[in-house]
């Protein structure tokens, strides 16, 4: 008993909490080798077909999320950034940054079905289950392209007033998107396509990754100044400001476990627990690998996936290390 009391006293004295010492049990399960050359950005899980789509240079690599085996490749997607999954229609969409297009492909056999002209430097994208539309966020033209997947036609272009990054839906008709160069979140209507509000990110710079807890209307945005901000999606009120690692470019929220994961390019994953709708704590920092800055969640297995590669050690201060050819891979974490 005396030993337990002493341990607790030491924790309090050093400013630590018992809850902060808890470990999630999440660790690296395996590394899926892809091997081809080129950079990368987003990756996306196709729950229905158990596949993982990974953007990679001028193509998208497709892996089985069950075995990690290669399922196929979607070619001719120069500067690919994001992949949207429209499961109900059996279609996927890639954003080809260098072409200003989206490639439409069949989710079952991966054959290309169409090419759609969108804005300049299309980046993040997702399929909104409420409006049944695909939203594409264009970095250079500072707008969002709306695609009707029934016809694969562009039905609207929404000016956003800045460079958009990741976007999410509340499942009730509102879309939220990070605006990197103005450090704010823009909210617009998914049916009328009208901008409804702009939330200034106080204490957050250059937001990139964005996630949402639909049940509690909470937005999680990760910023370049190593913070995660939690906002009330309905009002824009700031709920929490939490420290994360450097180089974050992605965040996901697991609605079942109530955990948010920030993927930090420095080589860590910051795990934030939603204790309640108004209380959030950093639960753990997990070691990943340098360059693993984007992330995807498998909502069924609760595993997370992060793409990266091996790098040469730079001999010049401030110079970005070079990727070692043939080392591209996807890290899979879970319990």
C-alpha atoms as a PDB file:
ATOM      1  CA  UNK A   1       0.000   0.000   0.000  1.00  0.00           C
ATOM      2  CA  UNK A   2       2.820   2.419   0.942  1.00  0.00           C
ATOM      3  CA  UNK A   3       4.520   1.743  -2.387  1.00  0.00           C
ATOM      4  CA  UNK A   4       1.319   2.539  -4.332  1.00  0.00           C
ATOM      5  CA  UNK A   5       0.830   5.783  -2.402  1.00  0.00           C
ATOM      6  CA  UNK A   6       4.443   6.783  -3.050  1.00  0.00           C
ATOM      7  CA  UNK A   7       4.104   6.072  -6.781  1.00  0.00           C
ATOM      8  CA  UNK A   8       0.949   8.184  -6.997  1.00  0.00           C
ATOM      9  CA  UNK A   9       2.639  10.998  -5.101  1.00  0.00           C
ATOM     10  CA  UNK A  10       5.566  10.952  -7.523  1.00  0.00           C
ATOM     11  CA  UNK A  11       3.222  11.158 -10.495  1.00  0.00           C
ATOM     12  CA  UNK A  12       1.420  14.154  -9.028  1.00  0.00           C
ATOM     13  CA  UNK A  13       4.688  15.824  -8.103  1.00  0.00           C
ATOM     14  CA  UNK A  14       6.044  15.566 -11.648  1.00  0.00           C
ATOM     15  CA  UNK A  15       2.858  16.921 -13.195  1.00  0.00           C
ATOM     16  CA  UNK A  16       1.845  13.633 -14.748  1.00  0.00           C
ATOM     17  CA  UNK A  17      -1.524  11.932 -14.502  1.00  0.00           C
ATOM     18  CA  UNK A  18      -2.335   8.298 -14.068  1.00  0.00           C
ATOM     19  CA  UNK A  19      -4.438   8.383 -17.246  1.00  0.00           C
ATOM     20  CA  UNK A  20      -1.507   9.856 -19.198  1.00  0.00           C
ATOM     21  CA  UNK A  21       0.521   6.770 -18.377  1.00  0.00           C
ATOM     22  CA  UNK A  22      -2.009   4.393 -19.902  1.00  0.00           C
ATOM     23  CA  UNK A  23      -0.950   2.576 -23.035  1.00  0.00           C
ATOM     24  CA  UNK A  24      -3.399   1.854 -25.811  1.00  0.00           C
ATOM     25  CA  UNK A  25      -1.717  -1.391 -26.796  1.00  0.00           C
ATOM     26  CA  UNK A  26      -1.535  -0.184 -30.386  1.00  0.00           C
ATOM     27  CA  UNK A  27       1.713  -1.161 -32.090  1.00  0.00           C
ATOM     28  CA  UNK A  28       3.198  -1.920 -35.496  1.00  0.00           C
ATOM     29  CA  UNK A  29       1.633  -5.137 -36.770  1.00  0.00           C
ATOM     30  CA  UNK A  30       3.277  -5.385 -40.163  1.00  0.00           C
ATOM     31  CA  UNK A  31       4.823  -3.465 -43.022  1.00  0.00           C
ATOM     32  CA  UNK A  32       3.388  -3.921 -46.526  1.00  0.00           C
ATOM     33  CA  UNK A  33       6.094  -3.487 -49.165  1.00  0.00           C
ATOM     34  CA  UNK A  34       5.075  -1.793 -52.405  1.00  0.00           C
ATOM     35  CA  UNK A  35       8.513  -0.996 -53.756  1.00  0.00           C
ATOM     36  CA  UNK A  36       7.878   1.183 -56.815  1.00  0.00           C
ATOM     37  CA  UNK A  37       9.388   4.675 -56.986  1.00  0.00           C
ATOM     38  CA  UNK A  38       7.722   8.063 -56.555  1.00  0.00           C
ATOM     39  CA  UNK A  39       6.252  10.217 -53.811  1.00  0.00           C
ATOM     40  CA  UNK A  40       2.940   9.720 -52.032  1.00  0.00           C
ATOM     41  CA  UNK A  41       0.090  11.494 -50.308  1.00  0.00           C
ATOM     42  CA  UNK A  42      -3.285  10.109 -49.148  1.00  0.00           C
ATOM     43  CA  UNK A  43      -4.438   6.520 -48.825  1.00  0.00           C
ATOM     44  CA  UNK A  44      -8.017   5.269 -48.495  1.00  0.00           C
ATOM     45  CA  UNK A  45      -9.755   2.119 -47.243  1.00  0.00           C
ATOM     46  CA  UNK A  46     -12.484   0.473 -49.336  1.00  0.00           C
ATOM     47  CA  UNK A  47     -14.433  -1.343 -46.611  1.00  0.00           C
ATOM     48  CA  UNK A  48     -16.791  -3.177 -48.956  1.00  0.00           C
ATOM     49  CA  UNK A  49     -14.095  -4.790 -51.098  1.00  0.00           C
ATOM     50  CA  UNK A  50     -11.451  -5.019 -48.341  1.00  0.00           C
ATOM     51  CA  UNK A  51      -8.908  -3.042 -50.332  1.00  0.00           C
ATOM     52  CA  UNK A  52      -6.472  -0.266 -49.530  1.00  0.00           C
ATOM     53  CA  UNK A  53      -5.795   2.410 -52.169  1.00  0.00           C
ATOM     54  CA  UNK A  54      -2.422   4.165 -51.888  1.00  0.00           C
ATOM     55  CA  UNK A  55      -1.477   7.230 -53.958  1.00  0.00           C
ATOM     56  CA  UNK A  56       2.039   6.894 -55.321  1.00  0.00           C
ATOM     57  CA  UNK A  57       3.634   9.193 -57.867  1.00  0.00           C
ATOM     58  CA  UNK A  58       1.901   8.575 -61.191  1.00  0.00           C
ATOM     59  CA  UNK A  59      -0.246   5.663 -60.060  1.00  0.00           C
ATOM     60  CA  UNK A  60      -2.415   4.233 -57.300  1.00  0.00           C
ATOM     61  CA  UNK A  61      -1.343   0.947 -55.759  1.00  0.00           C
ATOM     62  CA  UNK A  62      -4.135  -1.299 -54.516  1.00  0.00           C
ATOM     63  CA  UNK A  63      -3.524  -3.768 -51.689  1.00  0.00           C
ATOM     64  CA  UNK A  64      -5.735  -6.293 -49.979  1.00  0.00           C
ATOM     65  CA  UNK A  65      -6.214  -4.939 -46.464  1.00  0.00           C
ATOM     66  CA  UNK A  66      -6.665  -8.526 -45.286  1.00  0.00           C
ATOM     67  CA  UNK A  67      -3.456 -10.070 -46.657  1.00  0.00           C
ATOM     68  CA  UNK A  68      -1.454  -7.036 -47.768  1.00  0.00           C
ATOM     69  CA  UNK A  69      -1.008  -8.604 -51.210  1.00  0.00           C
ATOM     70  CA  UNK A  70      -1.066  -6.458 -54.317  1.00  0.00           C
ATOM     71  CA  UNK A  71      -4.481  -6.437 -55.988  1.00  0.00           C
ATOM     72  CA  UNK A  72      -3.628  -4.151 -58.871  1.00  0.00           C
ATOM     73  CA  UNK A  73      -2.514  -0.722 -60.050  1.00  0.00           C
ATOM     74  CA  UNK A  74      -4.402   2.249 -61.465  1.00  0.00           C
ATOM     75  CA  UNK A  75      -1.996   3.825 -63.941  1.00  0.00           C
ATOM     76  CA  UNK A  76      -1.678   7.311 -65.459  1.00  0.00           C
ATOM     77  CA  UNK A  77      -2.568   9.426 -62.429  1.00  0.00           C
ATOM     78  CA  UNK A  78       0.316  11.988 -62.443  1.00  0.00           C
ATOM     79  CA  UNK A  79       0.659  13.869 -59.178  1.00  0.00           C
ATOM     80  CA  UNK A  80      -2.061  11.781 -57.572  1.00  0.00           C
ATOM     81  CA  UNK A  81      -3.136  12.964 -54.119  1.00  0.00           C
ATOM     82  CA  UNK A  82      -6.458  11.503 -52.953  1.00  0.00           C
ATOM     83  CA  UNK A  83      -8.843   8.628 -53.619  1.00  0.00           C
ATOM     84  CA  UNK A  84     -12.602   8.830 -53.003  1.00  0.00           C
ATOM     85  CA  UNK A  85     -14.669   5.656 -52.584  1.00  0.00           C
ATOM     86  CA  UNK A  86     -18.326   5.637 -53.697  1.00  0.00           C
ATOM     87  CA  UNK A  87     -19.155   2.106 -52.541  1.00  0.00           C
ATOM     88  CA  UNK A  88     -22.865   2.196 -53.353  1.00  0.00           C
ATOM     89  CA  UNK A  89     -22.076   2.938 -56.992  1.00  0.00           C
ATOM     90  CA  UNK A  90     -19.037   0.679 -57.223  1.00  0.00           C
ATOM     91  CA  UNK A  91     -16.793   3.573 -58.266  1.00  0.00           C
ATOM     92  CA  UNK A  92     -13.600   5.215 -57.113  1.00  0.00           C
ATOM     93  CA  UNK A  93     -12.091   8.610 -57.978  1.00  0.00           C
ATOM     94  CA  UNK A  94      -8.453   9.718 -57.962  1.00  0.00           C
ATOM     95  CA  UNK A  95      -7.312  13.345 -57.940  1.00  0.00           C
ATOM     96  CA  UNK A  96      -4.529  13.858 -60.475  1.00  0.00           C
ATOM     97  CA  UNK A  97      -2.751  17.012 -59.357  1.00  0.00           C
ATOM     98  CA  UNK A  98      -0.590  17.532 -62.435  1.00  0.00           C
ATOM     99  CA  UNK A  99      -3.432  17.020 -64.915  1.00  0.00           C
ATOM    100  CA  UNK A 100      -6.279  18.820 -63.160  1.00  0.00           C
ATOM    101  CA  UNK A 101      -8.448  15.729 -63.559  1.00  0.00           C
ATOM    102  CA  UNK A 102     -10.135  12.912 -61.681  1.00  0.00           C
ATOM    103  CA  UNK A 103      -9.826   9.334 -62.897  1.00  0.00           C
ATOM    104  CA  UNK A 104     -13.007   7.308 -62.416  1.00  0.00           C
ATOM    105  CA  UNK A 105     -12.456   3.576 -61.929  1.00  0.00           C
ATOM    106  CA  UNK A 106     -14.420   0.433 -61.150  1.00  0.00           C
ATOM    107  CA  UNK A 107     -13.874  -0.665 -57.537  1.00  0.00           C
ATOM    108  CA  UNK A 108     -14.150  -4.368 -58.394  1.00  0.00           C
ATOM    109  CA  UNK A 109     -11.860  -4.773 -61.398  1.00  0.00           C
ATOM    110  CA  UNK A 110      -9.989  -1.421 -61.216  1.00  0.00           C
ATOM    111  CA  UNK A 111     -10.638  -0.599 -64.883  1.00  0.00           C
ATOM    112  CA  UNK A 112     -10.727   3.096 -65.793  1.00  0.00           C
ATOM    113  CA  UNK A 113     -14.214   4.311 -66.649  1.00  0.00           C
ATOM    114  CA  UNK A 114     -13.759   8.046 -67.315  1.00  0.00           C
ATOM    115  CA  UNK A 115     -11.634  11.157 -66.868  1.00  0.00           C
ATOM    116  CA  UNK A 116     -13.215  14.323 -65.435  1.00  0.00           C
ATOM    117  CA  UNK A 117     -11.750  17.820 -65.687  1.00  0.00           C
ATOM    118  CA  UNK A 118     -11.804  19.575 -62.312  1.00  0.00           C
ATOM    119  CA  UNK A 119      -9.881  22.543 -60.818  1.00  0.00           C
ATOM    120  CA  UNK A 120      -6.181  23.315 -60.665  1.00  0.00           C
ATOM    121  CA  UNK A 121      -4.073  20.908 -58.613  1.00  0.00           C
ATOM    122  CA  UNK A 122      -6.877  18.719 -57.215  1.00  0.00           C
ATOM    123  CA  UNK A 123      -5.767  17.386 -53.851  1.00  0.00           C
ATOM    124  CA  UNK A 124      -7.993  15.904 -51.129  1.00  0.00           C
ATOM    125  CA  UNK A 125     -11.294  14.279 -52.066  1.00  0.00           C
ATOM    126  CA  UNK A 126     -14.081  12.198 -50.531  1.00  0.00           C
ATOM    127  CA  UNK A 127     -17.545  10.826 -51.228  1.00  0.00           C
ATOM    128  CA  UNK A 128     -20.291  12.342 -49.072  1.00  0.00           C
ATOM    129  CA  UNK A 129     -22.814   9.706 -48.005  1.00  0.00           C
ATOM    130  CA  UNK A 130     -25.496  12.348 -47.318  1.00  0.00           C
ATOM    131  CA  UNK A 131     -25.560  14.270 -50.600  1.00  0.00           C
ATOM    132  CA  UNK A 132     -24.241  11.313 -52.630  1.00  0.00           C
ATOM    133  CA  UNK A 133     -21.674  13.600 -54.263  1.00  0.00           C
ATOM    134  CA  UNK A 134     -17.903  13.514 -54.677  1.00  0.00           C
ATOM    135  CA  UNK A 135     -16.123  16.633 -53.411  1.00  0.00           C
ATOM    136  CA  UNK A 136     -12.708  17.510 -54.824  1.00  0.00           C
ATOM    137  CA  UNK A 137     -10.593  20.241 -53.204  1.00  0.00           C
ATOM    138  CA  UNK A 138      -8.371  22.116 -55.645  1.00  0.00           C
ATOM    139  CA  UNK A 139      -5.210  23.638 -54.165  1.00  0.00           C
ATOM    140  CA  UNK A 140      -4.249  26.144 -56.846  1.00  0.00           C
ATOM    141  CA  UNK A 141      -7.690  27.316 -57.963  1.00  0.00           C
ATOM    142  CA  UNK A 142      -8.824  27.676 -54.322  1.00  0.00           C
ATOM    143  CA  UNK A 143     -12.158  25.960 -54.852  1.00  0.00           C
ATOM    144  CA  UNK A 144     -14.082  22.714 -54.578  1.00  0.00           C
ATOM    145  CA  UNK A 145     -15.391  20.740 -57.538  1.00  0.00           C
ATOM    146  CA  UNK A 146     -18.620  18.793 -56.994  1.00  0.00           C
ATOM    147  CA  UNK A 147     -19.120  15.634 -59.056  1.00  0.00           C
ATOM    148  CA  UNK A 148     -22.365  13.702 -59.408  1.00  0.00           C
ATOM    149  CA  UNK A 149     -21.223  10.040 -59.474  1.00  0.00           C
ATOM    150  CA  UNK A 150     -24.474   9.000 -61.131  1.00  0.00           C
ATOM    151  CA  UNK A 151     -23.436  10.841 -64.302  1.00  0.00           C
ATOM    152  CA  UNK A 152     -19.767  11.635 -63.603  1.00  0.00           C
ATOM    153  CA  UNK A 153     -20.475  15.241 -64.486  1.00  0.00           C
ATOM    154  CA  UNK A 154     -19.317  18.352 -62.624  1.00  0.00           C
ATOM    155  CA  UNK A 155     -22.423  19.957 -61.101  1.00  0.00           C
ATOM    156  CA  UNK A 156     -20.850  22.854 -59.192  1.00  0.00           C
ATOM    157  CA  UNK A 157     -17.652  24.736 -58.375  1.00  0.00           C
ATOM    158  CA  UNK A 158     -17.465  26.344 -54.919  1.00  0.00           C
ATOM    159  CA  UNK A 159     -15.028  29.248 -54.313  1.00  0.00           C
ATOM    160  CA  UNK A 160     -13.370  28.745 -50.919  1.00  0.00           C
ATOM    161  CA  UNK A 161     -11.251  31.870 -50.524  1.00  0.00           C
ATOM    162  CA  UNK A 162      -7.980  30.045 -49.940  1.00  0.00           C
ATOM    163  CA  UNK A 163      -5.998  26.836 -50.461  1.00  0.00           C
ATOM    164  CA  UNK A 164      -8.104  23.857 -49.344  1.00  0.00           C
ATOM    165  CA  UNK A 165      -6.694  20.750 -47.732  1.00  0.00           C
ATOM    166  CA  UNK A 166      -8.713  17.846 -46.246  1.00  0.00           C
ATOM    167  CA  UNK A 167     -12.520  17.877 -45.936  1.00  0.00           C
ATOM    168  CA  UNK A 168     -15.167  15.932 -44.032  1.00  0.00           C
ATOM    169  CA  UNK A 169     -18.966  15.645 -43.855  1.00  0.00           C
ATOM    170  CA  UNK A 170     -21.189  15.744 -40.781  1.00  0.00           C
ATOM    171  CA  UNK A 171     -23.581  13.300 -42.480  1.00  0.00           C
ATOM    172  CA  UNK A 172     -26.403  15.837 -42.184  1.00  0.00           C
ATOM    173  CA  UNK A 173     -25.724  18.211 -45.069  1.00  0.00           C
ATOM    174  CA  UNK A 174     -22.677  20.202 -44.035  1.00  0.00           C
ATOM    175  CA  UNK A 175     -19.157  19.907 -45.433  1.00  0.00           C
ATOM    176  CA  UNK A 176     -16.085  21.204 -43.597  1.00  0.00           C
ATOM    177  CA  UNK A 177     -12.693  21.839 -45.197  1.00  0.00           C
ATOM    178  CA  UNK A 178      -9.371  23.127 -43.882  1.00  0.00           C
ATOM    179  CA  UNK A 179      -8.029  26.261 -45.585  1.00  0.00           C
ATOM    180  CA  UNK A 180      -4.275  26.077 -45.236  1.00  0.00           C
ATOM    181  CA  UNK A 181      -3.132  29.598 -46.138  1.00  0.00           C
ATOM    182  CA  UNK A 182      -5.778  31.450 -44.093  1.00  0.00           C
ATOM    183  CA  UNK A 183      -5.736  29.046 -41.104  1.00  0.00           C
ATOM    184  CA  UNK A 184      -9.457  28.487 -40.940  1.00  0.00           C
ATOM    185  CA  UNK A 185     -12.165  25.897 -41.536  1.00  0.00           C
ATOM    186  CA  UNK A 186     -14.846  26.680 -44.105  1.00  0.00           C
ATOM    187  CA  UNK A 187     -18.308  25.130 -43.785  1.00  0.00           C
ATOM    188  CA  UNK A 188     -20.646  24.880 -46.776  1.00  0.00           C
ATOM    189  CA  UNK A 189     -23.988  23.265 -47.592  1.00  0.00           C
ATOM    190  CA  UNK A 190     -23.687  19.973 -49.499  1.00  0.00           C
ATOM    191  CA  UNK A 191     -26.929  20.529 -51.417  1.00  0.00           C
ATOM    192  CA  UNK A 192     -26.971  24.283 -52.166  1.00  0.00           C
ATOM    193  CA  UNK A 193     -23.135  24.528 -52.297  1.00  0.00           C
ATOM    194  CA  UNK A 194     -23.260  27.862 -50.450  1.00  0.00           C
ATOM    195  CA  UNK A 195     -20.602  28.770 -47.880  1.00  0.00           C
ATOM    196  CA  UNK A 196     -22.281  28.978 -44.464  1.00  0.00           C
ATOM    197  CA  UNK A 197     -19.472  29.956 -42.092  1.00  0.00           C
ATOM    198  CA  UNK A 198     -15.738  30.355 -41.624  1.00  0.00           C
ATOM    199  CA  UNK A 199     -14.074  29.274 -38.366  1.00  0.00           C
ATOM    200  CA  UNK A 200     -10.766  31.008 -37.601  1.00  0.00           C
ATOM    201  CA  UNK A 201      -8.245  28.640 -36.057  1.00  0.00           C
ATOM    202  CA  UNK A 202      -6.931  30.520 -33.039  1.00  0.00           C
ATOM    203  CA  UNK A 203      -3.510  29.122 -32.167  1.00  0.00           C
ATOM    204  CA  UNK A 204      -3.386  26.841 -35.216  1.00  0.00           C
ATOM    205  CA  UNK A 205      -1.277  27.459 -38.329  1.00  0.00           C
ATOM    206  CA  UNK A 206      -1.556  25.907 -41.799  1.00  0.00           C
ATOM    207  CA  UNK A 207      -4.133  23.186 -41.059  1.00  0.00           C
ATOM    208  CA  UNK A 208      -3.902  20.028 -43.168  1.00  0.00           C
ATOM    209  CA  UNK A 209      -5.586  16.862 -41.867  1.00  0.00           C
ATOM    210  CA  UNK A 210      -9.214  17.010 -40.717  1.00  0.00           C
ATOM    211  CA  UNK A 211     -11.479  14.454 -39.002  1.00  0.00           C
ATOM    212  CA  UNK A 212     -14.918  14.555 -37.405  1.00  0.00           C
ATOM    213  CA  UNK A 213     -16.823  12.926 -34.557  1.00  0.00           C
ATOM    214  CA  UNK A 214     -20.328  13.048 -36.021  1.00  0.00           C
ATOM    215  CA  UNK A 215     -22.053  11.939 -32.820  1.00  0.00           C
ATOM    216  CA  UNK A 216     -20.697  14.858 -30.773  1.00  0.00           C
ATOM    217  CA  UNK A 217     -20.177  17.363 -33.617  1.00  0.00           C
ATOM    218  CA  UNK A 218     -16.453  17.714 -32.982  1.00  0.00           C
ATOM    219  CA  UNK A 219     -13.834  18.602 -35.592  1.00  0.00           C
ATOM    220  CA  UNK A 220     -10.186  17.557 -35.227  1.00  0.00           C
ATOM    221  CA  UNK A 221      -7.706  19.604 -37.253  1.00  0.00           C
ATOM    222  CA  UNK A 222      -3.925  19.132 -37.221  1.00  0.00           C
ATOM    223  CA  UNK A 223      -1.691  22.129 -37.825  1.00  0.00           C
ATOM    224  CA  UNK A 224       1.904  22.787 -38.874  1.00  0.00           C
ATOM    225  CA  UNK A 225       2.779  24.396 -35.522  1.00  0.00           C
ATOM    226  CA  UNK A 226       2.440  20.991 -33.847  1.00  0.00           C
ATOM    227  CA  UNK A 227      -1.036  21.313 -32.375  1.00  0.00           C
ATOM    228  CA  UNK A 228      -4.357  19.552 -32.802  1.00  0.00           C
ATOM    229  CA  UNK A 229      -7.366  21.801 -32.344  1.00  0.00           C
ATOM    230  CA  UNK A 230     -10.785  20.414 -31.445  1.00  0.00           C
ATOM    231  CA  UNK A 231     -13.752  22.582 -32.463  1.00  0.00           C
ATOM    232  CA  UNK A 232     -17.505  22.440 -32.100  1.00  0.00           C
ATOM    233  CA  UNK A 233     -18.625  21.780 -35.683  1.00  0.00           C
ATOM    234  CA  UNK A 234     -21.906  23.617 -35.165  1.00  0.00           C
ATOM    235  CA  UNK A 235     -20.519  26.854 -33.739  1.00  0.00           C
ATOM    236  CA  UNK A 236     -16.774  26.877 -34.393  1.00  0.00           C
ATOM    237  CA  UNK A 237     -16.085  27.180 -30.654  1.00  0.00           C
ATOM    238  CA  UNK A 238     -12.625  25.956 -29.658  1.00  0.00           C
ATOM    239  CA  UNK A 239     -12.907  23.004 -27.282  1.00  0.00           C
ATOM    240  CA  UNK A 240      -9.287  21.857 -26.884  1.00  0.00           C
ATOM    241  CA  UNK A 241      -5.718  22.496 -28.016  1.00  0.00           C
ATOM    242  CA  UNK A 242      -3.395  19.507 -27.809  1.00  0.00           C
ATOM    243  CA  UNK A 243       0.320  19.004 -28.575  1.00  0.00           C
ATOM    244  CA  UNK A 244       1.206  16.675 -31.442  1.00  0.00           C
ATOM    245  CA  UNK A 245       4.380  15.772 -33.329  1.00  0.00           C
ATOM    246  CA  UNK A 246       6.005  17.716 -36.150  1.00  0.00           C
ATOM    247  CA  UNK A 247       4.993  17.343 -39.791  1.00  0.00           C
ATOM    248  CA  UNK A 248       1.405  16.160 -39.303  1.00  0.00           C
ATOM    249  CA  UNK A 249      -0.585  15.887 -42.528  1.00  0.00           C
ATOM    250  CA  UNK A 250      -3.380  13.535 -41.510  1.00  0.00           C
ATOM    251  CA  UNK A 251      -5.788  12.733 -38.708  1.00  0.00           C
ATOM    252  CA  UNK A 252      -8.542  10.142 -38.291  1.00  0.00           C
ATOM    253  CA  UNK A 253     -11.156   9.582 -35.597  1.00  0.00           C
ATOM    254  CA  UNK A 254     -12.357   6.131 -34.572  1.00  0.00           C
ATOM    255  CA  UNK A 255     -16.003   6.523 -33.501  1.00  0.00           C
ATOM    256  CA  UNK A 256     -15.967   3.191 -31.649  1.00  0.00           C
ATOM    257  CA  UNK A 257     -12.808   3.581 -29.571  1.00  0.00           C
ATOM    258  CA  UNK A 258     -13.146   7.389 -29.263  1.00  0.00           C
ATOM    259  CA  UNK A 259      -9.521   7.805 -30.289  1.00  0.00           C
ATOM    260  CA  UNK A 260      -8.132  10.371 -32.714  1.00  0.00           C
ATOM    261  CA  UNK A 261      -4.785   9.656 -34.395  1.00  0.00           C
ATOM    262  CA  UNK A 262      -2.474  12.340 -35.757  1.00  0.00           C
ATOM    263  CA  UNK A 263       0.131  11.038 -38.227  1.00  0.00           C
ATOM    264  CA  UNK A 264       3.307  13.079 -37.778  1.00  0.00           C
ATOM    265  CA  UNK A 265       5.986  13.097 -40.455  1.00  0.00           C
ATOM    266  CA  UNK A 266       8.697  13.204 -37.790  1.00  0.00           C
ATOM    267  CA  UNK A 267       7.951   9.512 -37.194  1.00  0.00           C
ATOM    268  CA  UNK A 268       5.299   9.462 -34.481  1.00  0.00           C
ATOM    269  CA  UNK A 269       1.544   8.991 -34.047  1.00  0.00           C
ATOM    270  CA  UNK A 270      -0.171  11.144 -31.426  1.00  0.00           C
ATOM    271  CA  UNK A 271      -3.161   9.353 -29.879  1.00  0.00           C
ATOM    272  CA  UNK A 272      -5.851  11.633 -28.423  1.00  0.00           C
ATOM    273  CA  UNK A 273      -8.709  10.217 -26.375  1.00  0.00           C
ATOM    274  CA  UNK A 274     -12.153  11.797 -26.341  1.00  0.00           C
ATOM    275  CA  UNK A 275     -13.032  11.453 -22.651  1.00  0.00           C
ATOM    276  CA  UNK A 276     -16.249  13.392 -23.172  1.00  0.00           C
ATOM    277  CA  UNK A 277     -17.603  15.855 -25.723  1.00  0.00           C
ATOM    278  CA  UNK A 278     -15.687  18.607 -23.930  1.00  0.00           C
ATOM    279  CA  UNK A 279     -12.599  16.803 -22.632  1.00  0.00           C
ATOM    280  CA  UNK A 280      -9.702  15.513 -24.724  1.00  0.00           C
ATOM    281  CA  UNK A 281      -6.324  14.192 -23.574  1.00  0.00           C
ATOM    282  CA  UNK A 282      -3.152  12.966 -25.240  1.00  0.00           C
ATOM    283  CA  UNK A 283      -3.178   9.304 -24.341  1.00  0.00           C
ATOM    284  CA  UNK A 284       0.021   8.113 -25.974  1.00  0.00           C
ATOM    285  CA  UNK A 285       2.710   8.887 -28.537  1.00  0.00           C
ATOM    286  CA  UNK A 286       3.508   5.875 -30.701  1.00  0.00           C
ATOM    287  CA  UNK A 287       6.700   5.542 -32.711  1.00  0.00           C
ATOM    288  CA  UNK A 288       6.141   5.091 -36.445  1.00  0.00           C
ATOM    289  CA  UNK A 289       8.721   5.983 -39.118  1.00  0.00           C
ATOM    290  CA  UNK A 290      10.002   9.195 -40.607  1.00  0.00           C
ATOM    291  CA  UNK A 291       7.850  10.377 -43.530  1.00  0.00           C
ATOM    292  CA  UNK A 292       4.667   8.645 -42.311  1.00  0.00           C
ATOM    293  CA  UNK A 293       2.589  11.829 -42.383  1.00  0.00           C
ATOM    294  CA  UNK A 294      -0.779  10.650 -43.795  1.00  0.00           C
ATOM    295  CA  UNK A 295      -3.162   8.066 -42.380  1.00  0.00           C
ATOM    296  CA  UNK A 296      -6.234   5.927 -43.073  1.00  0.00           C
ATOM    297  CA  UNK A 297      -8.498   4.078 -40.640  1.00  0.00           C
ATOM    298  CA  UNK A 298     -10.140   0.688 -41.051  1.00  0.00           C
ATOM    299  CA  UNK A 299     -13.339   1.223 -39.079  1.00  0.00           C
ATOM    300  CA  UNK A 300     -13.975  -2.534 -38.833  1.00  0.00           C
ATOM    301  CA  UNK A 301     -10.625  -3.789 -37.510  1.00  0.00           C
ATOM    302  CA  UNK A 302      -9.664  -0.427 -35.969  1.00  0.00           C
ATOM    303  CA  UNK A 303      -6.269  -0.713 -37.638  1.00  0.00           C
ATOM    304  CA  UNK A 304      -4.546   2.369 -39.036  1.00  0.00           C
ATOM    305  CA  UNK A 305      -2.348   2.571 -42.136  1.00  0.00           C
ATOM    306  CA  UNK A 306       0.488   5.012 -42.875  1.00  0.00           C
ATOM    307  CA  UNK A 307       2.599   5.160 -46.069  1.00  0.00           C
ATOM    308  CA  UNK A 308       6.313   5.974 -46.011  1.00  0.00           C
ATOM    309  CA  UNK A 309       9.705   4.853 -47.311  1.00  0.00           C
ATOM    310  CA  UNK A 310      13.323   4.602 -46.215  1.00  0.00           C
ATOM    311  CA  UNK A 311      15.534   7.664 -46.652  1.00  0.00           C
ATOM    312  CA  UNK A 312      19.216   8.378 -47.117  1.00  0.00           C
ATOM    313  CA  UNK A 313      20.851  10.399 -44.372  1.00  0.00           C
ATOM    314  CA  UNK A 314      21.300  13.973 -45.561  1.00  0.00           C
ATOM    315  CA  UNK A 315      24.813  15.397 -45.245  1.00  0.00           C
ATOM    316  CA  UNK A 316      23.634  18.968 -45.827  1.00  0.00           C
ATOM    317  CA  UNK A 317      21.884  20.786 -42.990  1.00  0.00           C
ATOM    318  CA  UNK A 318      18.298  21.716 -43.824  1.00  0.00           C
ATOM    319  CA  UNK A 319      18.227  19.568 -46.947  1.00  0.00           C
ATOM    320  CA  UNK A 320      15.374  17.102 -47.303  1.00  0.00           C
ATOM    321  CA  UNK A 321      16.663  13.509 -47.238  1.00  0.00           C
ATOM    322  CA  UNK A 322      16.289  11.521 -50.447  1.00  0.00           C
ATOM    323  CA  UNK A 323      14.021   8.491 -50.643  1.00  0.00           C
ATOM    324  CA  UNK A 324      15.812   5.202 -51.242  1.00  0.00           C
ATOM    325  CA  UNK A 325      14.295   3.742 -54.451  1.00  0.00           C
ATOM    326  CA  UNK A 326      12.233   0.593 -54.018  1.00  0.00           C
ATOM    327  CA  UNK A 327      11.533   1.076 -50.300  1.00  0.00           C
ATOM    328  CA  UNK A 328       7.979   2.470 -50.456  1.00  0.00           C
ATOM    329  CA  UNK A 329       5.695   0.693 -47.977  1.00  0.00           C
ATOM    330  CA  UNK A 330       2.567   0.955 -45.851  1.00  0.00           C
ATOM    331  CA  UNK A 331       2.802   0.532 -42.079  1.00  0.00           C
ATOM    332  CA  UNK A 332      -0.156  -1.178 -40.379  1.00  0.00           C
ATOM    333  CA  UNK A 333      -0.801  -0.510 -36.678  1.00  0.00           C
ATOM    334  CA  UNK A 334      -3.347  -2.143 -34.379  1.00  0.00           C
ATOM    335  CA  UNK A 335      -3.755  -4.340 -31.313  1.00  0.00           C
END
